[in-house]
Amino acid sequence: MAVAPAWLRASAATATPSAAHSGASPLDAVATRRLIEEFVRSWAPPASRPATLDTLTSRELDVLGQVGAGLNNAEIARKLHLQESTVKTHVGHLLTKLGLRDRVQAVVFAYEHGIIRPGTGSR
């Protein structure tokens, strides 16, 4: 089991249950930012590409990248110069082909398989 760095343990030690119950973050903003920066710095793309990605058309892969970056259908349509209904069709096809339930799973898939790189919102 990995041991948290000293700076993270120190920040967590100052967290109080009442602060967490009130909706406050258990980590201060500096520690949260540093934790995210450490994650982004240490992230590496997966060693292999899943075969299911080969079932996607190049346009579906483009749309998956935009979904992974957090864009909605209208934003994707504008960015890729498509009709919104076309984007919806592509999203439906890629969810089916990849065996995903919804856009949230598509975002996770995009990050886990290197379609999106943490900290950049892009490929």
PDB file of N, CA and C in Angstrom:
ATOM      1  N   MET A   1       0.840  -1.185   0.000  1.00  0.00           N
ATOM      2  CA  MET A   1       0.000   0.000   0.000  1.00  0.00           C
ATOM      3  C   MET A   1       0.881   1.243   0.000  1.00  0.00           C
ATOM      4  N   ALA A   2       0.560   2.185  -0.860  1.00  0.00           N
ATOM      5  CA  ALA A   2       1.345   3.412  -0.976  1.00  0.00           C
ATOM      6  C   ALA A   2       1.087   4.325   0.219  1.00  0.00           C
ATOM      7  N   VAL A   3       2.125   5.025   0.621  1.00  0.00           N
ATOM      8  CA  VAL A   3       2.018   5.974   1.721  1.00  0.00           C
ATOM      9  C   VAL A   3       1.882   7.365   1.121  1.00  0.00           C
ATOM     10  N   ALA A   4       0.940   8.123   1.637  1.00  0.00           N
ATOM     11  CA  ALA A   4       0.721   9.482   1.138  1.00  0.00           C
ATOM     12  C   ALA A   4       1.929  10.354   1.489  1.00  0.00           C
ATOM     13  N   PRO A   5       2.265  11.303   0.600  1.00  0.00           N
ATOM     14  CA  PRO A   5       3.371  12.208   0.902  1.00  0.00           C
ATOM     15  C   PRO A   5       3.081  13.032   2.159  1.00  0.00           C
ATOM     16  N   ALA A   6       4.132  13.482   2.807  1.00  0.00           N
ATOM     17  CA  ALA A   6       4.003  14.227   4.068  1.00  0.00           C
ATOM     18  C   ALA A   6       3.112  15.455   3.916  1.00  0.00           C
ATOM     19  N   TRP A   7       3.246  16.193   2.811  1.00  0.00           N
ATOM     20  CA  TRP A   7       2.436  17.406   2.630  1.00  0.00           C
ATOM     21  C   TRP A   7       0.947  17.083   2.564  1.00  0.00           C
ATOM     22  N   LEU A   8       0.616  15.909   2.003  1.00  0.00           N
ATOM     23  CA  LEU A   8      -0.783  15.516   1.917  1.00  0.00           C
ATOM     24  C   LEU A   8      -1.297  15.049   3.279  1.00  0.00           C
ATOM     25  N   ARG A   9      -0.502  14.292   3.986  1.00  0.00           N
ATOM     26  CA  ARG A   9      -0.896  13.837   5.324  1.00  0.00           C
ATOM     27  C   ARG A   9      -1.104  15.042   6.242  1.00  0.00           C
ATOM     28  N   ALA A  10      -0.249  16.047   6.144  1.00  0.00           N
ATOM     29  CA  ALA A  10      -0.377  17.239   6.987  1.00  0.00           C
ATOM     30  C   ALA A  10      -1.678  17.979   6.695  1.00  0.00           C
ATOM     31  N   SER A  11      -2.013  18.096   5.432  1.00  0.00           N
ATOM     32  CA  SER A  11      -3.255  18.781   5.068  1.00  0.00           C
ATOM     33  C   SER A  11      -4.469  18.002   5.551  1.00  0.00           C
ATOM     34  N   ALA A  12      -4.446  16.690   5.374  1.00  0.00           N
ATOM     35  CA  ALA A  12      -5.567  15.851   5.804  1.00  0.00           C
ATOM     36  C   ALA A  12      -5.711  15.851   7.312  1.00  0.00           C
ATOM     37  N   ALA A  13      -4.599  15.977   8.025  1.00  0.00           N
ATOM     38  CA  ALA A  13      -4.633  15.966   9.492  1.00  0.00           C
ATOM     39  C   ALA A  13      -5.357  17.184  10.049  1.00  0.00           C
ATOM     40  N   THR A  14      -5.368  18.271   9.295  1.00  0.00           N
ATOM     41  CA  THR A  14      -6.029  19.487   9.781  1.00  0.00           C
ATOM     42  C   THR A  14      -7.514  19.519   9.420  1.00  0.00           C
ATOM     43  N   ALA A  15      -7.962  18.561   8.618  1.00  0.00           N
ATOM     44  CA  ALA A  15      -9.368  18.512   8.226  1.00  0.00           C
ATOM     45  C   ALA A  15     -10.217  18.107   9.426  1.00  0.00           C
ATOM     46  N   THR A  16     -11.395  18.701   9.508  1.00  0.00           N
ATOM     47  CA  THR A  16     -12.295  18.358  10.606  1.00  0.00           C
ATOM     48  C   THR A  16     -13.577  17.747  10.052  1.00  0.00           C
ATOM     49  N   PRO A  17     -14.170  16.814  10.788  1.00  0.00           N
ATOM     50  CA  PRO A  17     -15.431  16.224  10.322  1.00  0.00           C
ATOM     51  C   PRO A  17     -16.522  17.262  10.116  1.00  0.00           C
ATOM     52  N   SER A  18     -16.574  18.276  10.987  1.00  0.00           N
ATOM     53  CA  SER A  18     -17.625  19.286  10.841  1.00  0.00           C
ATOM     54  C   SER A  18     -17.450  20.080   9.555  1.00  0.00           C
ATOM     55  N   ALA A  19     -16.208  20.319   9.154  1.00  0.00           N
ATOM     56  CA  ALA A  19     -15.970  21.034   7.897  1.00  0.00           C
ATOM     57  C   ALA A  19     -16.448  20.187   6.724  1.00  0.00           C
ATOM     58  N   ALA A  20     -16.152  18.902   6.760  1.00  0.00           N
ATOM     59  CA  ALA A  20     -16.582  18.018   5.675  1.00  0.00           C
ATOM     60  C   ALA A  20     -18.100  17.926   5.629  1.00  0.00           C
ATOM     61  N   HIS A  21     -18.750  17.863   6.778  1.00  0.00           N
ATOM     62  CA  HIS A  21     -20.213  17.783   6.820  1.00  0.00           C
ATOM     63  C   HIS A  21     -20.873  19.053   6.300  1.00  0.00           C
ATOM     64  N   SER A  22     -20.184  20.161   6.432  1.00  0.00           N
ATOM     65  CA  SER A  22     -20.756  21.423   5.952  1.00  0.00           C
ATOM     66  C   SER A  22     -20.509  21.634   4.469  1.00  0.00           C
ATOM     67  N   GLY A  23     -19.831  20.674   3.825  1.00  0.00           N
ATOM     68  CA  GLY A  23     -19.588  20.778   2.394  1.00  0.00           C
ATOM     69  C   GLY A  23     -18.212  21.292   2.048  1.00  0.00           C
ATOM     70  N   ALA A  24     -17.415  21.643   3.040  1.00  0.00           N
ATOM     71  CA  ALA A  24     -16.061  22.117   2.790  1.00  0.00           C
ATOM     72  C   ALA A  24     -15.173  20.945   2.380  1.00  0.00           C
ATOM     73  N   SER A  25     -14.138  21.252   1.659  1.00  0.00           N
ATOM     74  CA  SER A  25     -13.200  20.219   1.233  1.00  0.00           C
ATOM     75  C   SER A  25     -12.374  19.748   2.420  1.00  0.00           C
ATOM     76  N   PRO A  26     -12.133  18.432   2.516  1.00  0.00           N
ATOM     77  CA  PRO A  26     -11.283  17.954   3.606  1.00  0.00           C
ATOM     78  C   PRO A  26      -9.823  18.341   3.407  1.00  0.00           C
ATOM     79  N   LEU A  27      -9.456  18.780   2.204  1.00  0.00           N
ATOM     80  CA  LEU A  27      -8.102  19.250   1.928  1.00  0.00           C
ATOM     81  C   LEU A  27      -8.155  20.729   1.593  1.00  0.00           C
ATOM     82  N   ASP A  28      -7.140  21.459   1.988  1.00  0.00           N
ATOM     83  CA  ASP A  28      -7.125  22.870   1.632  1.00  0.00           C
ATOM     84  C   ASP A  28      -6.856  23.017   0.132  1.00  0.00           C
ATOM     85  N   ALA A  29      -7.088  24.203  -0.391  1.00  0.00           N
ATOM     86  CA  ALA A  29      -6.985  24.438  -1.832  1.00  0.00           C
ATOM     87  C   ALA A  29      -5.582  24.178  -2.360  1.00  0.00           C
ATOM     88  N   VAL A  30      -4.572  24.536  -1.596  1.00  0.00           N
ATOM     89  CA  VAL A  30      -3.188  24.327  -2.029  1.00  0.00           C
ATOM     90  C   VAL A  30      -2.892  22.836  -2.149  1.00  0.00           C
ATOM     91  N   ALA A  31      -3.323  22.056  -1.171  1.00  0.00           N
ATOM     92  CA  ALA A  31      -3.084  20.611  -1.205  1.00  0.00           C
ATOM     93  C   ALA A  31      -3.862  19.970  -2.344  1.00  0.00           C
ATOM     94  N   THR A  32      -5.083  20.417  -2.571  1.00  0.00           N
ATOM     95  CA  THR A  32      -5.883  19.867  -3.664  1.00  0.00           C
ATOM     96  C   THR A  32      -5.203  20.139  -4.997  1.00  0.00           C
ATOM     97  N   ARG A  33      -4.752  21.366  -5.204  1.00  0.00           N
ATOM     98  CA  ARG A  33      -4.077  21.729  -6.449  1.00  0.00           C
ATOM     99  C   ARG A  33      -2.803  20.896  -6.625  1.00  0.00           C
ATOM    100  N   ARG A  34      -2.037  20.747  -5.551  1.00  0.00           N
ATOM    101  CA  ARG A  34      -0.794  19.978  -5.631  1.00  0.00           C
ATOM    102  C   ARG A  34      -1.071  18.503  -5.928  1.00  0.00           C
ATOM    103  N   LEU A  35      -2.131  17.953  -5.328  1.00  0.00           N
ATOM    104  CA  LEU A  35      -2.503  16.568  -5.568  1.00  0.00           C
ATOM    105  C   LEU A  35      -2.859  16.363  -7.042  1.00  0.00           C
ATOM    106  N   ILE A  36      -3.609  17.277  -7.609  1.00  0.00           N
ATOM    107  CA  ILE A  36      -3.974  17.186  -9.025  1.00  0.00           C
ATOM    108  C   ILE A  36      -2.731  17.321  -9.898  1.00  0.00           C
ATOM    109  N   GLU A  37      -1.852  18.254  -9.577  1.00  0.00           N
ATOM    110  CA  GLU A  37      -0.621  18.420 -10.352  1.00  0.00           C
ATOM    111  C   GLU A  37       0.240  17.163 -10.307  1.00  0.00           C
ATOM    112  N   GLU A  38       0.318  16.520  -9.140  1.00  0.00           N
ATOM    113  CA  GLU A  38       1.089  15.272  -9.009  1.00  0.00           C
ATOM    114  C   GLU A  38       0.474  14.179  -9.871  1.00  0.00           C
ATOM    115  N   PHE A  39      -0.851  14.087  -9.868  1.00  0.00           N
ATOM    116  CA  PHE A  39      -1.528  13.091 -10.678  1.00  0.00           C
ATOM    117  C   PHE A  39      -1.247  13.324 -12.159  1.00  0.00           C
ATOM    118  N   VAL A  40      -1.386  14.561 -12.596  1.00  0.00           N
ATOM    119  CA  VAL A  40      -1.170  14.886 -14.007  1.00  0.00           C
ATOM    120  C   VAL A  40       0.273  14.589 -14.401  1.00  0.00           C
ATOM    121  N   ARG A  41       1.207  14.941 -13.556  1.00  0.00           N
ATOM    122  CA  ARG A  41       2.625  14.725 -13.849  1.00  0.00           C
ATOM    123  C   ARG A  41       2.961  13.230 -13.938  1.00  0.00           C
ATOM    124  N   SER A  42       2.333  12.423 -13.100  1.00  0.00           N
ATOM    125  CA  SER A  42       2.668  11.001 -13.051  1.00  0.00           C
ATOM    126  C   SER A  42       1.840  10.144 -13.998  1.00  0.00           C
ATOM    127  N   TRP A  43       0.824  10.731 -14.637  1.00  0.00           N
ATOM    128  CA  TRP A  43      -0.047   9.961 -15.520  1.00  0.00           C
ATOM    129  C   TRP A  43       0.727   9.486 -16.738  1.00  0.00           C
ATOM    130  N   ALA A  44       0.476   8.261 -17.137  1.00  0.00           N
ATOM    131  CA  ALA A  44       1.069   7.704 -18.358  1.00  0.00           C
ATOM    132  C   ALA A  44      -0.038   7.057 -19.176  1.00  0.00           C
ATOM    133  N   PRO A  45       0.019   7.190 -20.490  1.00  0.00           N
ATOM    134  CA  PRO A  45      -1.015   6.567 -21.312  1.00  0.00           C
ATOM    135  C   PRO A  45      -0.948   5.053 -21.187  1.00  0.00           C
ATOM    136  N   PRO A  46      -2.053   4.378 -21.452  1.00  0.00           N
ATOM    137  CA  PRO A  46      -2.057   2.928 -21.340  1.00  0.00           C
ATOM    138  C   PRO A  46      -1.083   2.298 -22.331  1.00  0.00           C
ATOM    139  N   ALA A  47      -0.572   1.130 -21.953  1.00  0.00           N
ATOM    140  CA  ALA A  47       0.417   0.443 -22.792  1.00  0.00           C
ATOM    141  C   ALA A  47      -0.190  -0.099 -24.075  1.00  0.00           C
ATOM    142  N   SER A  48      -1.449  -0.484 -24.035  1.00  0.00           N
ATOM    143  CA  SER A  48      -2.052  -1.043 -25.238  1.00  0.00           C
ATOM    144  C   SER A  48      -3.400  -0.384 -25.510  1.00  0.00           C
ATOM    145  N   ARG A  49      -3.781  -0.424 -26.744  1.00  0.00           N
ATOM    146  CA  ARG A  49      -5.040   0.170 -27.201  1.00  0.00           C
ATOM    147  C   ARG A  49      -6.088  -0.940 -27.256  1.00  0.00           C
ATOM    148  N   PRO A  50      -7.234  -0.736 -26.608  1.00  0.00           N
ATOM    149  CA  PRO A  50      -8.261  -1.785 -26.642  1.00  0.00           C
ATOM    150  C   PRO A  50      -8.811  -1.970 -28.063  1.00  0.00           C
ATOM    151  N   ALA A  51      -9.093  -3.206 -28.408  1.00  0.00           N
ATOM    152  CA  ALA A  51      -9.608  -3.523 -29.748  1.00  0.00           C
ATOM    153  C   ALA A  51     -10.919  -2.815 -30.038  1.00  0.00           C
ATOM    154  N   THR A  52     -11.699  -2.522 -29.000  1.00  0.00           N
ATOM    155  CA  THR A  52     -12.984  -1.859 -29.225  1.00  0.00           C
ATOM    156  C   THR A  52     -12.816  -0.477 -29.860  1.00  0.00           C
ATOM    157  N   LEU A  53     -11.677   0.179 -29.615  1.00  0.00           N
ATOM    158  CA  LEU A  53     -11.456   1.480 -30.243  1.00  0.00           C
ATOM    159  C   LEU A  53     -11.370   1.359 -31.759  1.00  0.00           C
ATOM    160  N   ASP A  54     -10.915   0.215 -32.242  1.00  0.00           N
ATOM    161  CA  ASP A  54     -10.805   0.015 -33.688  1.00  0.00           C
ATOM    162  C   ASP A  54     -12.164  -0.103 -34.359  1.00  0.00           C
ATOM    163  N   THR A  55     -13.225  -0.282 -33.581  1.00  0.00           N
ATOM    164  CA  THR A  55     -14.570  -0.357 -34.163  1.00  0.00           C
ATOM    165  C   THR A  55     -15.145   1.027 -34.433  1.00  0.00           C
ATOM    166  N   LEU A  56     -14.533   2.062 -33.873  1.00  0.00           N
ATOM    167  CA  LEU A  56     -15.036   3.423 -34.056  1.00  0.00           C
ATOM    168  C   LEU A  56     -14.538   4.015 -35.366  1.00  0.00           C
ATOM    169  N   THR A  57     -15.394   4.806 -36.007  1.00  0.00           N
ATOM    170  CA  THR A  57     -14.950   5.576 -37.172  1.00  0.00           C
ATOM    171  C   THR A  57     -14.073   6.715 -36.667  1.00  0.00           C
ATOM    172  N   SER A  58     -13.356   7.350 -37.573  1.00  0.00           N
ATOM    173  CA  SER A  58     -12.510   8.470 -37.146  1.00  0.00           C
ATOM    174  C   SER A  58     -13.363   9.599 -36.569  1.00  0.00           C
ATOM    175  N   ARG A  59     -14.558   9.814 -37.107  1.00  0.00           N
ATOM    176  CA  ARG A  59     -15.432  10.869 -36.588  1.00  0.00           C
ATOM    177  C   ARG A  59     -15.955  10.515 -35.205  1.00  0.00           C
ATOM    178  N   GLU A  60     -16.303   9.240 -34.987  1.00  0.00           N
ATOM    179  CA  GLU A  60     -16.748   8.813 -33.657  1.00  0.00           C
ATOM    180  C   GLU A  60     -15.621   8.988 -32.642  1.00  0.00           C
ATOM    181  N   LEU A  61     -14.399   8.723 -33.056  1.00  0.00           N
ATOM    182  CA  LEU A  61     -13.252   8.921 -32.178  1.00  0.00           C
ATOM    183  C   LEU A  61     -13.068  10.404 -31.859  1.00  0.00           C
ATOM    184  N   ASP A  62     -13.260  11.267 -32.855  1.00  0.00           N
ATOM    185  CA  ASP A  62     -13.218  12.718 -32.632  1.00  0.00           C
ATOM    186  C   ASP A  62     -14.271  13.126 -31.604  1.00  0.00           C
ATOM    187  N   VAL A  63     -15.483  12.617 -31.790  1.00  0.00           N
ATOM    188  CA  VAL A  63     -16.585  12.951 -30.876  1.00  0.00           C
ATOM    189  C   VAL A  63     -16.283  12.429 -29.475  1.00  0.00           C
ATOM    190  N   LEU A  64     -15.744  11.217 -29.368  1.00  0.00           N
ATOM    191  CA  LEU A  64     -15.378  10.679 -28.055  1.00  0.00           C
ATOM    192  C   LEU A  64     -14.376  11.593 -27.358  1.00  0.00           C
ATOM    193  N   GLY A  65     -13.415  12.095 -28.091  1.00  0.00           N
ATOM    194  CA  GLY A  65     -12.448  13.029 -27.507  1.00  0.00           C
ATOM    195  C   GLY A  65     -13.102  14.283 -26.973  1.00  0.00           C
ATOM    196  N   GLN A  66     -14.092  14.781 -27.696  1.00  0.00           N
ATOM    197  CA  GLN A  66     -14.792  15.991 -27.261  1.00  0.00           C
ATOM    198  C   GLN A  66     -15.702  15.711 -26.061  1.00  0.00           C
ATOM    199  N   VAL A  67     -16.359  14.554 -26.070  1.00  0.00           N
ATOM    200  CA  VAL A  67     -17.162  14.148 -24.910  1.00  0.00           C
ATOM    201  C   VAL A  67     -16.241  14.029 -23.700  1.00  0.00           C
ATOM    202  N   GLY A  68     -15.081  13.400 -23.897  1.00  0.00           N
ATOM    203  CA  GLY A  68     -14.115  13.240 -22.808  1.00  0.00           C
ATOM    204  C   GLY A  68     -13.622  14.569 -22.263  1.00  0.00           C
ATOM    205  N   ALA A  69     -13.569  15.573 -23.119  1.00  0.00           N
ATOM    206  CA  ALA A  69     -13.135  16.907 -22.695  1.00  0.00           C
ATOM    207  C   ALA A  69     -14.257  17.689 -22.014  1.00  0.00           C
ATOM    208  N   GLY A  70     -15.460  17.075 -21.953  1.00  0.00           N
ATOM    209  CA  GLY A  70     -16.559  17.704 -21.228  1.00  0.00           C
ATOM    210  C   GLY A  70     -17.494  18.552 -22.058  1.00  0.00           C
ATOM    211  N   LEU A  71     -17.373  18.506 -23.371  1.00  0.00           N
ATOM    212  CA  LEU A  71     -18.257  19.316 -24.209  1.00  0.00           C
ATOM    213  C   LEU A  71     -19.629  18.657 -24.347  1.00  0.00           C
ATOM    214  N   ASN A  72     -20.664  19.490 -24.436  1.00  0.00           N
ATOM    215  CA  ASN A  72     -22.005  18.961 -24.682  1.00  0.00           C
ATOM    216  C   ASN A  72     -22.222  18.842 -26.192  1.00  0.00           C
ATOM    217  N   ASN A  73     -23.360  18.303 -26.598  1.00  0.00           N
ATOM    218  CA  ASN A  73     -23.605  18.052 -28.022  1.00  0.00           C
ATOM    219  C   ASN A  73     -23.529  19.321 -28.862  1.00  0.00           C
ATOM    220  N   ALA A  74     -24.112  20.407 -28.376  1.00  0.00           N
ATOM    221  CA  ALA A  74     -24.094  21.657 -29.141  1.00  0.00           C
ATOM    222  C   ALA A  74     -22.666  22.172 -29.312  1.00  0.00           C
ATOM    223  N   GLU A  75     -21.868  22.095 -28.260  1.00  0.00           N
ATOM    224  CA  GLU A  75     -20.473  22.551 -28.338  1.00  0.00           C
ATOM    225  C   GLU A  75     -19.660  21.682 -29.297  1.00  0.00           C
ATOM    226  N   ILE A  76     -19.888  20.367 -29.236  1.00  0.00           N
ATOM    227  CA  ILE A  76     -19.188  19.451 -30.148  1.00  0.00           C
ATOM    228  C   ILE A  76     -19.586  19.759 -31.590  1.00  0.00           C
ATOM    229  N   ALA A  77     -20.868  19.984 -31.819  1.00  0.00           N
ATOM    230  CA  ALA A  77     -21.353  20.295 -33.166  1.00  0.00           C
ATOM    231  C   ALA A  77     -20.662  21.544 -33.719  1.00  0.00           C
ATOM    232  N   ARG A  78     -20.577  22.585 -32.903  1.00  0.00           N
ATOM    233  CA  ARG A  78     -19.904  23.816 -33.340  1.00  0.00           C
ATOM    234  C   ARG A  78     -18.426  23.563 -33.628  1.00  0.00           C
ATOM    235  N   LYS A  79     -17.775  22.856 -32.715  1.00  0.00           N
ATOM    236  CA  LYS A  79     -16.330  22.645 -32.851  1.00  0.00           C
ATOM    237  C   LYS A  79     -15.987  21.775 -34.060  1.00  0.00           C
ATOM    238  N   LEU A  80     -16.793  20.754 -34.325  1.00  0.00           N
ATOM    239  CA  LEU A  80     -16.504  19.828 -35.420  1.00  0.00           C
ATOM    240  C   LEU A  80     -17.279  20.153 -36.701  1.00  0.00           C
ATOM    241  N   HIS A  81     -18.023  21.275 -36.687  1.00  0.00           N
ATOM    242  CA  HIS A  81     -18.794  21.723 -37.847  1.00  0.00           C
ATOM    243  C   HIS A  81     -19.785  20.652 -38.303  1.00  0.00           C
ATOM    244  N   LEU A  82     -20.580  20.174 -37.338  1.00  0.00           N
ATOM    245  CA  LEU A  82     -21.600  19.155 -37.581  1.00  0.00           C
ATOM    246  C   LEU A  82     -22.943  19.662 -37.103  1.00  0.00           C
ATOM    247  N   GLN A  83     -24.000  18.998 -37.529  1.00  0.00           N
ATOM    248  CA  GLN A  83     -25.321  19.261 -36.972  1.00  0.00           C
ATOM    249  C   GLN A  83     -25.386  18.585 -35.604  1.00  0.00           C
ATOM    250  N   GLU A  84     -26.125  19.170 -34.681  1.00  0.00           N
ATOM    251  CA  GLU A  84     -26.250  18.585 -33.353  1.00  0.00           C
ATOM    252  C   GLU A  84     -26.852  17.179 -33.422  1.00  0.00           C
ATOM    253  N   SER A  85     -27.794  16.962 -34.343  1.00  0.00           N
ATOM    254  CA  SER A  85     -28.386  15.631 -34.483  1.00  0.00           C
ATOM    255  C   SER A  85     -27.342  14.601 -34.933  1.00  0.00           C
ATOM    256  N   THR A  86     -26.383  15.039 -35.738  1.00  0.00           N
ATOM    257  CA  THR A  86     -25.301  14.143 -36.172  1.00  0.00           C
ATOM    258  C   THR A  86     -24.419  13.777 -34.993  1.00  0.00           C
ATOM    259  N   VAL A  87     -24.137  14.747 -34.137  1.00  0.00           N
ATOM    260  CA  VAL A  87     -23.344  14.475 -32.934  1.00  0.00           C
ATOM    261  C   VAL A  87     -24.067  13.457 -32.057  1.00  0.00           C
ATOM    262  N   LYS A  88     -25.373  13.656 -31.876  1.00  0.00           N
ATOM    263  CA  LYS A  88     -26.156  12.710 -31.067  1.00  0.00           C
ATOM    264  C   LYS A  88     -26.070  11.300 -31.638  1.00  0.00           C
ATOM    265  N   THR A  89     -26.120  11.191 -32.947  1.00  0.00           N
ATOM    266  CA  THR A  89     -26.006   9.882 -33.597  1.00  0.00           C
ATOM    267  C   THR A  89     -24.640   9.271 -33.327  1.00  0.00           C
ATOM    268  N   HIS A  90     -23.583  10.078 -33.479  1.00  0.00           N
ATOM    269  CA  HIS A  90     -22.223   9.580 -33.217  1.00  0.00           C
ATOM    270  C   HIS A  90     -22.067   9.143 -31.756  1.00  0.00           C
ATOM    271  N   VAL A  91     -22.595   9.935 -30.832  1.00  0.00           N
ATOM    272  CA  VAL A  91     -22.500   9.582 -29.411  1.00  0.00           C
ATOM    273  C   VAL A  91     -23.214   8.260 -29.162  1.00  0.00           C
ATOM    274  N   GLY A  92     -24.398   8.103 -29.707  1.00  0.00           N
ATOM    275  CA  GLY A  92     -25.135   6.855 -29.534  1.00  0.00           C
ATOM    276  C   GLY A  92     -24.376   5.661 -30.085  1.00  0.00           C
ATOM    277  N   HIS A  93     -23.787   5.843 -31.277  1.00  0.00           N
ATOM    278  CA  HIS A  93     -23.029   4.741 -31.886  1.00  0.00           C
ATOM    279  C   HIS A  93     -21.799   4.385 -31.060  1.00  0.00           C
ATOM    280  N   LEU A  94     -21.059   5.398 -30.607  1.00  0.00           N
ATOM    281  CA  LEU A  94     -19.835   5.075 -29.868  1.00  0.00           C
ATOM    282  C   LEU A  94     -20.145   4.453 -28.509  1.00  0.00           C
ATOM    283  N   LEU A  95     -21.227   4.887 -27.864  1.00  0.00           N
ATOM    284  CA  LEU A  95     -21.619   4.259 -26.600  1.00  0.00           C
ATOM    285  C   LEU A  95     -21.954   2.787 -26.822  1.00  0.00           C
ATOM    286  N   THR A  96     -22.694   2.507 -27.887  1.00  0.00           N
ATOM    287  CA  THR A  96     -23.067   1.120 -28.197  1.00  0.00           C
ATOM    288  C   THR A  96     -21.839   0.285 -28.534  1.00  0.00           C
ATOM    289  N   LYS A  97     -20.993   0.793 -29.413  1.00  0.00           N
ATOM    290  CA  LYS A  97     -19.808   0.044 -29.838  1.00  0.00           C
ATOM    291  C   LYS A  97     -18.849  -0.247 -28.688  1.00  0.00           C
ATOM    292  N   LEU A  98     -18.751   0.697 -27.752  1.00  0.00           N
ATOM    293  CA  LEU A  98     -17.818   0.527 -26.629  1.00  0.00           C
ATOM    294  C   LEU A  98     -18.472  -0.150 -25.425  1.00  0.00           C
ATOM    295  N   GLY A  99     -19.785  -0.396 -25.517  1.00  0.00           N
ATOM    296  CA  GLY A  99     -20.491  -1.039 -24.420  1.00  0.00           C
ATOM    297  C   GLY A  99     -20.622  -0.153 -23.191  1.00  0.00           C
ATOM    298  N   LEU A 100     -20.787   1.147 -23.433  1.00  0.00           N
ATOM    299  CA  LEU A 100     -20.880   2.117 -22.341  1.00  0.00           C
ATOM    300  C   LEU A 100     -22.330   2.510 -22.118  1.00  0.00           C
ATOM    301  N   ARG A 101     -22.664   2.803 -20.867  1.00  0.00           N
ATOM    302  CA  ARG A 101     -24.036   3.120 -20.481  1.00  0.00           C
ATOM    303  C   ARG A 101     -24.395   4.580 -20.763  1.00  0.00           C
ATOM    304  N   ASP A 102     -23.440   5.491 -20.548  1.00  0.00           N
ATOM    305  CA  ASP A 102     -23.761   6.903 -20.656  1.00  0.00           C
ATOM    306  C   ASP A 102     -22.502   7.728 -20.898  1.00  0.00           C
ATOM    307  N   ARG A 103     -22.680   9.043 -20.979  1.00  0.00           N
ATOM    308  CA  ARG A 103     -21.565   9.949 -21.249  1.00  0.00           C
ATOM    309  C   ARG A 103     -20.527   9.922 -20.134  1.00  0.00           C
ATOM    310  N   VAL A 104     -20.957   9.727 -18.912  1.00  0.00           N
ATOM    311  CA  VAL A 104     -20.001   9.671 -17.798  1.00  0.00           C
ATOM    312  C   VAL A 104     -19.032   8.515 -18.019  1.00  0.00           C
ATOM    313  N   GLN A 105     -19.559   7.359 -18.393  1.00  0.00           N
ATOM    314  CA  GLN A 105     -18.685   6.225 -18.668  1.00  0.00           C
ATOM    315  C   GLN A 105     -17.787   6.521 -19.875  1.00  0.00           C
ATOM    316  N   ALA A 106     -18.286   7.277 -20.835  1.00  0.00           N
ATOM    317  CA  ALA A 106     -17.467   7.644 -21.994  1.00  0.00           C
ATOM    318  C   ALA A 106     -16.300   8.530 -21.577  1.00  0.00           C
ATOM    319  N   VAL A 107     -16.536   9.453 -20.657  1.00  0.00           N
ATOM    320  CA  VAL A 107     -15.455  10.313 -20.161  1.00  0.00           C
ATOM    321  C   VAL A 107     -14.395   9.464 -19.455  1.00  0.00           C
ATOM    322  N   VAL A 108     -14.836   8.572 -18.590  1.00  0.00           N
ATOM    323  CA  VAL A 108     -13.898   7.692 -17.879  1.00  0.00           C
ATOM    324  C   VAL A 108     -13.114   6.860 -18.889  1.00  0.00           C
ATOM    325  N   PHE A 109     -13.800   6.283 -19.863  1.00  0.00           N
ATOM    326  CA  PHE A 109     -13.152   5.478 -20.901  1.00  0.00           C
ATOM    327  C   PHE A 109     -12.098   6.311 -21.636  1.00  0.00           C
ATOM    328  N   ALA A 110     -12.454   7.544 -21.999  1.00  0.00           N
ATOM    329  CA  ALA A 110     -11.529   8.409 -22.738  1.00  0.00           C
ATOM    330  C   ALA A 110     -10.251   8.669 -21.939  1.00  0.00           C
ATOM    331  N   TYR A 111     -10.371   8.894 -20.648  1.00  0.00           N
ATOM    332  CA  TYR A 111      -9.188   9.112 -19.813  1.00  0.00           C
ATOM    333  C   TYR A 111      -8.400   7.824 -19.602  1.00  0.00           C
ATOM    334  N   GLU A 112      -9.104   6.734 -19.320  1.00  0.00           N
ATOM    335  CA  GLU A 112      -8.415   5.474 -19.038  1.00  0.00           C
ATOM    336  C   GLU A 112      -7.675   4.914 -20.247  1.00  0.00           C
ATOM    337  N   HIS A 113      -8.121   5.271 -21.443  1.00  0.00           N
ATOM    338  CA  HIS A 113      -7.514   4.706 -22.638  1.00  0.00           C
ATOM    339  C   HIS A 113      -6.711   5.718 -23.449  1.00  0.00           C
ATOM    340  N   GLY A 114      -6.389   6.841 -22.837  1.00  0.00           N
ATOM    341  CA  GLY A 114      -5.486   7.792 -23.467  1.00  0.00           C
ATOM    342  C   GLY A 114      -6.076   8.643 -24.562  1.00  0.00           C
ATOM    343  N   ILE A 115      -7.406   8.657 -24.685  1.00  0.00           N
ATOM    344  CA  ILE A 115      -8.040   9.539 -25.669  1.00  0.00           C
ATOM    345  C   ILE A 115      -7.889  10.985 -25.204  1.00  0.00           C
ATOM    346  N   ILE A 116      -8.007  11.172 -23.899  1.00  0.00           N
ATOM    347  CA  ILE A 116      -7.825  12.471 -23.257  1.00  0.00           C
ATOM    348  C   ILE A 116      -6.674  12.336 -22.269  1.00  0.00           C
ATOM    349  N   ARG A 117      -5.815  13.341 -22.220  1.00  0.00           N
ATOM    350  CA  ARG A 117      -4.705  13.343 -21.267  1.00  0.00           C
ATOM    351  C   ARG A 117      -5.080  14.243 -20.091  1.00  0.00           C
ATOM    352  N   PRO A 118      -4.986  13.739 -18.868  1.00  0.00           N
ATOM    353  CA  PRO A 118      -5.330  14.572 -17.705  1.00  0.00           C
ATOM    354  C   PRO A 118      -4.585  15.897 -17.714  1.00  0.00           C
ATOM    355  N   GLY A 119      -5.322  16.937 -17.376  1.00  0.00           N
ATOM    356  CA  GLY A 119      -4.719  18.269 -17.281  1.00  0.00           C
ATOM    357  C   GLY A 119      -4.711  19.051 -18.570  1.00  0.00           C
ATOM    358  N   THR A 120      -5.079  18.414 -19.676  1.00  0.00           N
ATOM    359  CA  THR A 120      -5.042  19.127 -20.949  1.00  0.00           C
ATOM    360  C   THR A 120      -6.416  19.281 -21.584  1.00  0.00           C
ATOM    361  N   GLY A 121      -7.329  18.331 -21.289  1.00  0.00           N
ATOM    362  CA  GLY A 121      -8.630  18.357 -21.940  1.00  0.00           C
ATOM    363  C   GLY A 121      -8.543  18.064 -23.417  1.00  0.00           C
ATOM    364  N   SER A 122      -7.415  17.480 -23.842  1.00  0.00           N
ATOM    365  CA  SER A 122      -7.249  17.152 -25.263  1.00  0.00           C
ATOM    366  C   SER A 122      -6.396  15.908 -25.410  1.00  0.00           C
ATOM    367  N   ARG A 123      -6.245  15.500 -26.632  1.00  0.00           N
ATOM    368  CA  ARG A 123      -5.451  14.306 -26.935  1.00  0.00           C
ATOM    369  C   ARG A 123      -3.993  14.569 -26.777  1.00  0.00           C
TER     370      ARG A 123
END
